[in-house]
Amino acid sequence: MQTKKLLSVQEAAEFLGVSRMKISKMLKSGALKGEINPLDTRERLIPMEQLTLLKGYPPAKEEEIYYPEPEELAEVKEAIVQSEAEKAKGFRITHEEITTRIAERIAAYRMGQEKAAS
């Protein structure tokens, strides 16, 4: 028996690049069909298959999906920091300032996505 991947409202919102409120409204209107979480009846779980159809992608086969480990994500972030440091050569800037700038860019990017989704 194959189990289907279910996402929380928060995970579904992040996947589609919309707000949690938007996902909740879609569940209420019937645009999305959610299942009650057996561990927390207040929470709804949304099948990934529905979300991929909404996003316009065909559902990926489970073996094609790659979930990076936290260490890999940390390495990518460090590589970005190093790249920014190379660009800043000749300027007086600390590693901490570069890391802060990257965090600010990520936050601004996410805020822009949320505004576009609303």
N, C-alpha and C. Protein backbone atom coordinates (compact mmCIF):
# COMPACT_ATOMS: atom_id res chain seq x y z
N MET A 1 0.84 -1.19 0.00
CA MET A 1 0.00 0.00 0.00
C MET A 1 0.89 1.25 0.00
N GLN A 2 0.59 2.14 -0.91
CA GLN A 2 1.38 3.37 -1.02
C GLN A 2 0.72 4.47 -0.20
N THR A 3 1.50 5.13 0.63
CA THR A 3 0.95 6.23 1.42
C THR A 3 1.13 7.52 0.65
N LYS A 4 0.16 8.41 0.80
CA LYS A 4 0.28 9.69 0.11
C LYS A 4 0.87 10.72 1.06
N LYS A 5 1.61 11.64 0.47
CA LYS A 5 2.25 12.68 1.28
C LYS A 5 1.22 13.75 1.61
N LEU A 6 1.11 14.05 2.89
CA LEU A 6 0.18 15.06 3.36
C LEU A 6 0.95 16.22 3.98
N LEU A 7 0.50 17.44 3.69
CA LEU A 7 1.16 18.63 4.22
C LEU A 7 0.20 19.39 5.13
N SER A 8 0.78 20.02 6.13
CA SER A 8 -0.01 20.89 7.01
C SER A 8 -0.38 22.16 6.23
N VAL A 9 -1.26 22.95 6.80
CA VAL A 9 -1.67 24.20 6.17
C VAL A 9 -0.45 25.10 5.96
N GLN A 10 0.43 25.18 6.96
CA GLN A 10 1.63 26.01 6.85
C GLN A 10 2.53 25.51 5.73
N GLU A 11 2.76 24.20 5.67
CA GLU A 11 3.62 23.63 4.62
C GLU A 11 3.01 23.84 3.24
N ALA A 12 1.69 23.69 3.13
CA ALA A 12 1.01 23.90 1.86
C ALA A 12 1.15 25.36 1.41
N ALA A 13 1.02 26.28 2.36
CA ALA A 13 1.16 27.70 2.05
C ALA A 13 2.56 28.01 1.55
N GLU A 14 3.56 27.45 2.21
CA GLU A 14 4.95 27.67 1.77
C GLU A 14 5.18 27.06 0.40
N PHE A 15 4.64 25.89 0.15
CA PHE A 15 4.82 25.21 -1.13
C PHE A 15 4.23 26.03 -2.28
N LEU A 16 3.03 26.58 -2.06
CA LEU A 16 2.37 27.35 -3.11
C LEU A 16 2.79 28.82 -3.12
N GLY A 17 3.49 29.26 -2.07
CA GLY A 17 3.91 30.66 -2.01
C GLY A 17 2.75 31.60 -1.69
N VAL A 18 1.82 31.11 -0.86
CA VAL A 18 0.68 31.92 -0.45
C VAL A 18 0.63 31.95 1.08
N SER A 19 -0.32 32.69 1.61
CA SER A 19 -0.45 32.78 3.07
C SER A 19 -1.23 31.59 3.61
N ARG A 20 -1.10 31.37 4.91
CA ARG A 20 -1.88 30.32 5.58
C ARG A 20 -3.37 30.63 5.47
N MET A 21 -3.70 31.92 5.55
CA MET A 21 -5.10 32.34 5.44
C MET A 21 -5.68 31.94 4.09
N LYS A 22 -4.90 32.09 3.04
CA LYS A 22 -5.36 31.72 1.69
C LYS A 22 -5.66 30.22 1.63
N ILE A 23 -4.78 29.40 2.19
CA ILE A 23 -5.00 27.95 2.20
C ILE A 23 -6.26 27.63 3.01
N SER A 24 -6.44 28.29 4.14
CA SER A 24 -7.63 28.07 4.97
C SER A 24 -8.91 28.41 4.21
N LYS A 25 -8.87 29.53 3.48
CA LYS A 25 -10.04 29.93 2.68
C LYS A 25 -10.31 28.92 1.56
N MET A 26 -9.24 28.40 0.96
CA MET A 26 -9.41 27.40 -0.10
C MET A 26 -10.00 26.11 0.45
N LEU A 27 -9.61 25.74 1.65
CA LEU A 27 -10.19 24.56 2.30
C LEU A 27 -11.67 24.79 2.59
N LYS A 28 -11.98 25.97 3.10
CA LYS A 28 -13.37 26.29 3.46
C LYS A 28 -14.27 26.33 2.23
N SER A 29 -13.74 26.88 1.12
CA SER A 29 -14.54 27.00 -0.11
C SER A 29 -14.64 25.68 -0.88
N GLY A 30 -13.78 24.72 -0.54
CA GLY A 30 -13.80 23.45 -1.26
C GLY A 30 -12.81 23.38 -2.41
N ALA A 31 -12.06 24.48 -2.64
CA ALA A 31 -11.05 24.47 -3.71
C ALA A 31 -9.95 23.46 -3.40
N LEU A 32 -9.71 23.23 -2.12
CA LEU A 32 -8.78 22.20 -1.66
C LEU A 32 -9.55 21.25 -0.76
N LYS A 33 -9.22 19.99 -0.87
CA LYS A 33 -9.83 18.98 0.00
C LYS A 33 -8.79 18.57 1.03
N GLY A 34 -9.07 18.84 2.28
CA GLY A 34 -8.16 18.47 3.35
C GLY A 34 -8.69 17.31 4.16
N GLU A 35 -7.79 16.64 4.81
CA GLU A 35 -8.15 15.53 5.69
C GLU A 35 -7.88 15.98 7.13
N ILE A 36 -8.68 15.49 8.03
CA ILE A 36 -8.47 15.81 9.44
C ILE A 36 -7.25 15.05 9.94
N ASN A 37 -6.37 15.75 10.62
CA ASN A 37 -5.19 15.13 11.21
C ASN A 37 -5.65 14.26 12.38
N PRO A 38 -5.37 12.96 12.33
CA PRO A 38 -5.83 12.09 13.41
C PRO A 38 -5.18 12.40 14.76
N LEU A 39 -4.05 13.08 14.74
CA LEU A 39 -3.36 13.43 15.98
C LEU A 39 -3.81 14.77 16.55
N ASP A 40 -4.41 15.61 15.69
CA ASP A 40 -4.89 16.92 16.13
C ASP A 40 -6.09 17.27 15.27
N THR A 41 -7.28 17.04 15.77
CA THR A 41 -8.50 17.22 14.97
C THR A 41 -8.75 18.67 14.55
N ARG A 42 -8.03 19.61 15.12
CA ARG A 42 -8.16 21.02 14.70
C ARG A 42 -7.41 21.29 13.41
N GLU A 43 -6.49 20.42 13.06
CA GLU A 43 -5.62 20.64 11.91
C GLU A 43 -6.09 19.84 10.70
N ARG A 44 -5.93 20.46 9.53
CA ARG A 44 -6.23 19.78 8.27
C ARG A 44 -4.92 19.48 7.56
N LEU A 45 -4.89 18.34 6.89
CA LEU A 45 -3.73 17.94 6.10
C LEU A 45 -4.16 17.88 4.64
N ILE A 46 -3.32 18.43 3.77
CA ILE A 46 -3.65 18.52 2.35
C ILE A 46 -2.74 17.59 1.57
N PRO A 47 -3.32 16.76 0.69
CA PRO A 47 -2.49 15.87 -0.13
C PRO A 47 -1.59 16.68 -1.08
N MET A 48 -0.34 16.29 -1.15
CA MET A 48 0.64 16.95 -2.02
C MET A 48 0.17 16.93 -3.47
N GLU A 49 -0.49 15.87 -3.86
CA GLU A 49 -0.97 15.73 -5.23
C GLU A 49 -1.86 16.91 -5.63
N GLN A 50 -2.75 17.34 -4.74
CA GLN A 50 -3.61 18.49 -5.02
C GLN A 50 -2.79 19.76 -5.22
N LEU A 51 -1.79 19.92 -4.38
CA LEU A 51 -0.98 21.14 -4.43
C LEU A 51 -0.15 21.20 -5.70
N THR A 52 0.39 20.06 -6.13
CA THR A 52 1.20 20.07 -7.36
C THR A 52 0.32 20.37 -8.56
N LEU A 53 -0.91 19.89 -8.55
CA LEU A 53 -1.83 20.21 -9.64
C LEU A 53 -2.15 21.70 -9.66
N LEU A 54 -2.35 22.27 -8.48
CA LEU A 54 -2.61 23.71 -8.39
C LEU A 54 -1.43 24.52 -8.88
N LYS A 55 -0.26 24.05 -8.55
CA LYS A 55 0.95 24.79 -8.91
C LYS A 55 1.29 24.62 -10.39
N GLY A 56 0.69 23.62 -11.04
CA GLY A 56 0.91 23.43 -12.47
C GLY A 56 2.00 22.44 -12.79
N TYR A 57 2.44 21.68 -11.82
CA TYR A 57 3.45 20.67 -12.05
C TYR A 57 2.80 19.29 -11.99
N PRO A 58 3.27 18.36 -12.81
CA PRO A 58 2.78 16.99 -12.64
C PRO A 58 3.34 16.43 -11.34
N PRO A 59 2.58 15.58 -10.65
CA PRO A 59 3.10 15.00 -9.41
C PRO A 59 4.40 14.24 -9.65
N ALA A 60 5.39 14.52 -8.83
CA ALA A 60 6.68 13.83 -8.96
C ALA A 60 6.59 12.46 -8.33
N LYS A 61 7.35 11.55 -8.89
CA LYS A 61 7.44 10.23 -8.27
C LYS A 61 8.27 10.38 -7.01
N GLU A 62 7.91 9.63 -5.99
CA GLU A 62 8.57 9.76 -4.69
C GLU A 62 10.08 9.61 -4.81
N GLU A 63 10.55 8.72 -5.67
CA GLU A 63 12.00 8.51 -5.78
C GLU A 63 12.70 9.68 -6.47
N GLU A 64 11.93 10.56 -7.14
CA GLU A 64 12.52 11.72 -7.81
C GLU A 64 12.65 12.93 -6.87
N ILE A 65 11.95 12.89 -5.76
CA ILE A 65 11.96 14.03 -4.83
C ILE A 65 13.22 13.97 -3.98
N TYR A 66 13.90 15.11 -3.91
CA TYR A 66 15.12 15.19 -3.11
C TYR A 66 14.88 16.16 -1.96
N TYR A 67 15.11 15.68 -0.76
CA TYR A 67 14.98 16.51 0.42
C TYR A 67 16.37 16.73 1.01
N PRO A 68 16.93 17.94 0.85
CA PRO A 68 18.28 18.18 1.37
C PRO A 68 18.33 18.10 2.89
N GLU A 69 19.45 17.63 3.36
CA GLU A 69 19.70 17.55 4.80
C GLU A 69 20.05 18.95 5.32
N PRO A 70 19.81 19.21 6.60
CA PRO A 70 20.14 20.53 7.16
C PRO A 70 21.61 20.91 6.95
N GLU A 71 22.49 19.91 7.01
CA GLU A 71 23.92 20.20 6.80
C GLU A 71 24.16 20.71 5.38
N GLU A 72 23.45 20.13 4.40
CA GLU A 72 23.61 20.57 3.02
C GLU A 72 23.12 22.00 2.85
N LEU A 73 22.00 22.32 3.48
CA LEU A 73 21.48 23.68 3.40
C LEU A 73 22.44 24.67 4.05
N ALA A 74 23.06 24.26 5.15
CA ALA A 74 24.05 25.11 5.82
C ALA A 74 25.25 25.35 4.91
N GLU A 75 25.66 24.31 4.17
CA GLU A 75 26.78 24.46 3.24
C GLU A 75 26.43 25.44 2.12
N VAL A 76 25.21 25.36 1.61
CA VAL A 76 24.78 26.28 0.56
C VAL A 76 24.79 27.72 1.08
N LYS A 77 24.26 27.91 2.28
CA LYS A 77 24.25 29.26 2.87
C LYS A 77 25.67 29.77 3.04
N GLU A 78 26.56 28.92 3.51
CA GLU A 78 27.96 29.33 3.70
C GLU A 78 28.60 29.69 2.35
N ALA A 79 28.27 28.93 1.31
CA ALA A 79 28.80 29.23 -0.02
C ALA A 79 28.31 30.60 -0.50
N ILE A 80 27.06 30.91 -0.22
CA ILE A 80 26.52 32.22 -0.59
C ILE A 80 27.24 33.33 0.18
N VAL A 81 27.46 33.10 1.45
CA VAL A 81 28.18 34.08 2.28
C VAL A 81 29.58 34.30 1.71
N GLN A 82 30.26 33.22 1.35
CA GLN A 82 31.61 33.33 0.79
C GLN A 82 31.59 34.09 -0.53
N SER A 83 30.57 33.82 -1.35
CA SER A 83 30.43 34.52 -2.63
C SER A 83 30.24 36.02 -2.40
N GLU A 84 29.40 36.38 -1.44
CA GLU A 84 29.19 37.79 -1.12
C GLU A 84 30.48 38.41 -0.57
N ALA A 85 31.23 37.65 0.19
CA ALA A 85 32.49 38.14 0.74
C ALA A 85 33.47 38.44 -0.39
N GLU A 86 33.49 37.58 -1.41
CA GLU A 86 34.37 37.81 -2.56
C GLU A 86 33.98 39.11 -3.28
N LYS A 87 32.69 39.35 -3.41
CA LYS A 87 32.22 40.57 -4.07
C LYS A 87 32.61 41.81 -3.26
N ALA A 88 32.67 41.66 -1.94
CA ALA A 88 32.95 42.79 -1.05
C ALA A 88 34.44 43.00 -0.80
N LYS A 89 35.29 42.24 -1.49
CA LYS A 89 36.74 42.41 -1.28
C LYS A 89 37.14 43.86 -1.52
N GLY A 90 37.96 44.35 -0.66
CA GLY A 90 38.40 45.73 -0.77
C GLY A 90 37.55 46.68 0.06
N PHE A 91 36.41 46.20 0.51
CA PHE A 91 35.54 46.99 1.38
C PHE A 91 35.71 46.49 2.80
N ARG A 92 35.47 47.34 3.75
CA ARG A 92 35.57 46.93 5.15
C ARG A 92 34.21 46.40 5.58
N ILE A 93 34.10 45.09 5.59
CA ILE A 93 32.84 44.45 5.96
C ILE A 93 33.17 43.14 6.66
N THR A 94 32.41 42.83 7.67
CA THR A 94 32.67 41.60 8.43
C THR A 94 31.80 40.46 7.92
N HIS A 95 32.20 39.26 8.27
CA HIS A 95 31.43 38.06 7.92
C HIS A 95 30.02 38.18 8.49
N GLU A 96 29.92 38.70 9.70
CA GLU A 96 28.61 38.86 10.36
C GLU A 96 27.71 39.82 9.58
N GLU A 97 28.30 40.92 9.07
CA GLU A 97 27.51 41.88 8.28
C GLU A 97 26.99 41.24 7.00
N ILE A 98 27.82 40.43 6.38
CA ILE A 98 27.39 39.74 5.15
C ILE A 98 26.25 38.79 5.47
N THR A 99 26.39 38.01 6.54
CA THR A 99 25.34 37.07 6.94
C THR A 99 24.05 37.82 7.24
N THR A 100 24.15 38.96 7.90
CA THR A 100 22.97 39.77 8.21
C THR A 100 22.31 40.27 6.94
N ARG A 101 23.10 40.74 5.99
CA ARG A 101 22.55 41.23 4.72
C ARG A 101 21.81 40.12 3.98
N ILE A 102 22.38 38.93 3.98
CA ILE A 102 21.72 37.80 3.31
C ILE A 102 20.40 37.48 4.01
N ALA A 103 20.40 37.46 5.33
CA ALA A 103 19.16 37.19 6.08
C ALA A 103 18.11 38.25 5.77
N GLU A 104 18.53 39.51 5.64
CA GLU A 104 17.60 40.59 5.31
C GLU A 104 17.03 40.41 3.91
N ARG A 105 17.88 40.00 2.96
CA ARG A 105 17.41 39.76 1.59
C ARG A 105 16.40 38.62 1.55
N ILE A 106 16.67 37.56 2.29
CA ILE A 106 15.75 36.42 2.34
C ILE A 106 14.41 36.87 2.92
N ALA A 107 14.45 37.64 4.00
CA ALA A 107 13.22 38.13 4.63
C ALA A 107 12.44 39.04 3.67
N ALA A 108 13.14 39.93 2.98
CA ALA A 108 12.48 40.82 2.03
C ALA A 108 11.86 40.03 0.88
N TYR A 109 12.56 39.01 0.42
CA TYR A 109 12.06 38.16 -0.66
C TYR A 109 10.78 37.45 -0.22
N ARG A 110 10.79 36.90 0.99
CA ARG A 110 9.61 36.19 1.50
C ARG A 110 8.43 37.14 1.68
N MET A 111 8.70 38.36 2.17
CA MET A 111 7.63 39.34 2.33
C MET A 111 7.04 39.71 0.98
N GLY A 112 7.89 39.84 -0.02
CA GLY A 112 7.43 40.14 -1.37
C GLY A 112 6.54 39.04 -1.92
N GLN A 113 6.90 37.79 -1.63
CA GLN A 113 6.09 36.66 -2.08
C GLN A 113 4.73 36.67 -1.39
N GLU A 114 4.71 36.97 -0.10
CA GLU A 114 3.45 37.00 0.65
C GLU A 114 2.54 38.11 0.14
N LYS A 115 3.12 39.27 -0.16
CA LYS A 115 2.32 40.38 -0.67
C LYS A 115 1.75 40.04 -2.04
N ALA A 116 2.56 39.39 -2.89
CA ALA A 116 2.11 39.02 -4.22
C ALA A 116 0.99 37.99 -4.16
N ALA A 117 1.04 37.13 -3.16
CA ALA A 117 0.04 36.07 -3.03
C ALA A 117 -1.29 36.60 -2.49
N SER A 118 -1.25 37.70 -1.76
CA SER A 118 -2.49 38.19 -1.15
C SER A 118 -3.31 39.00 -2.11
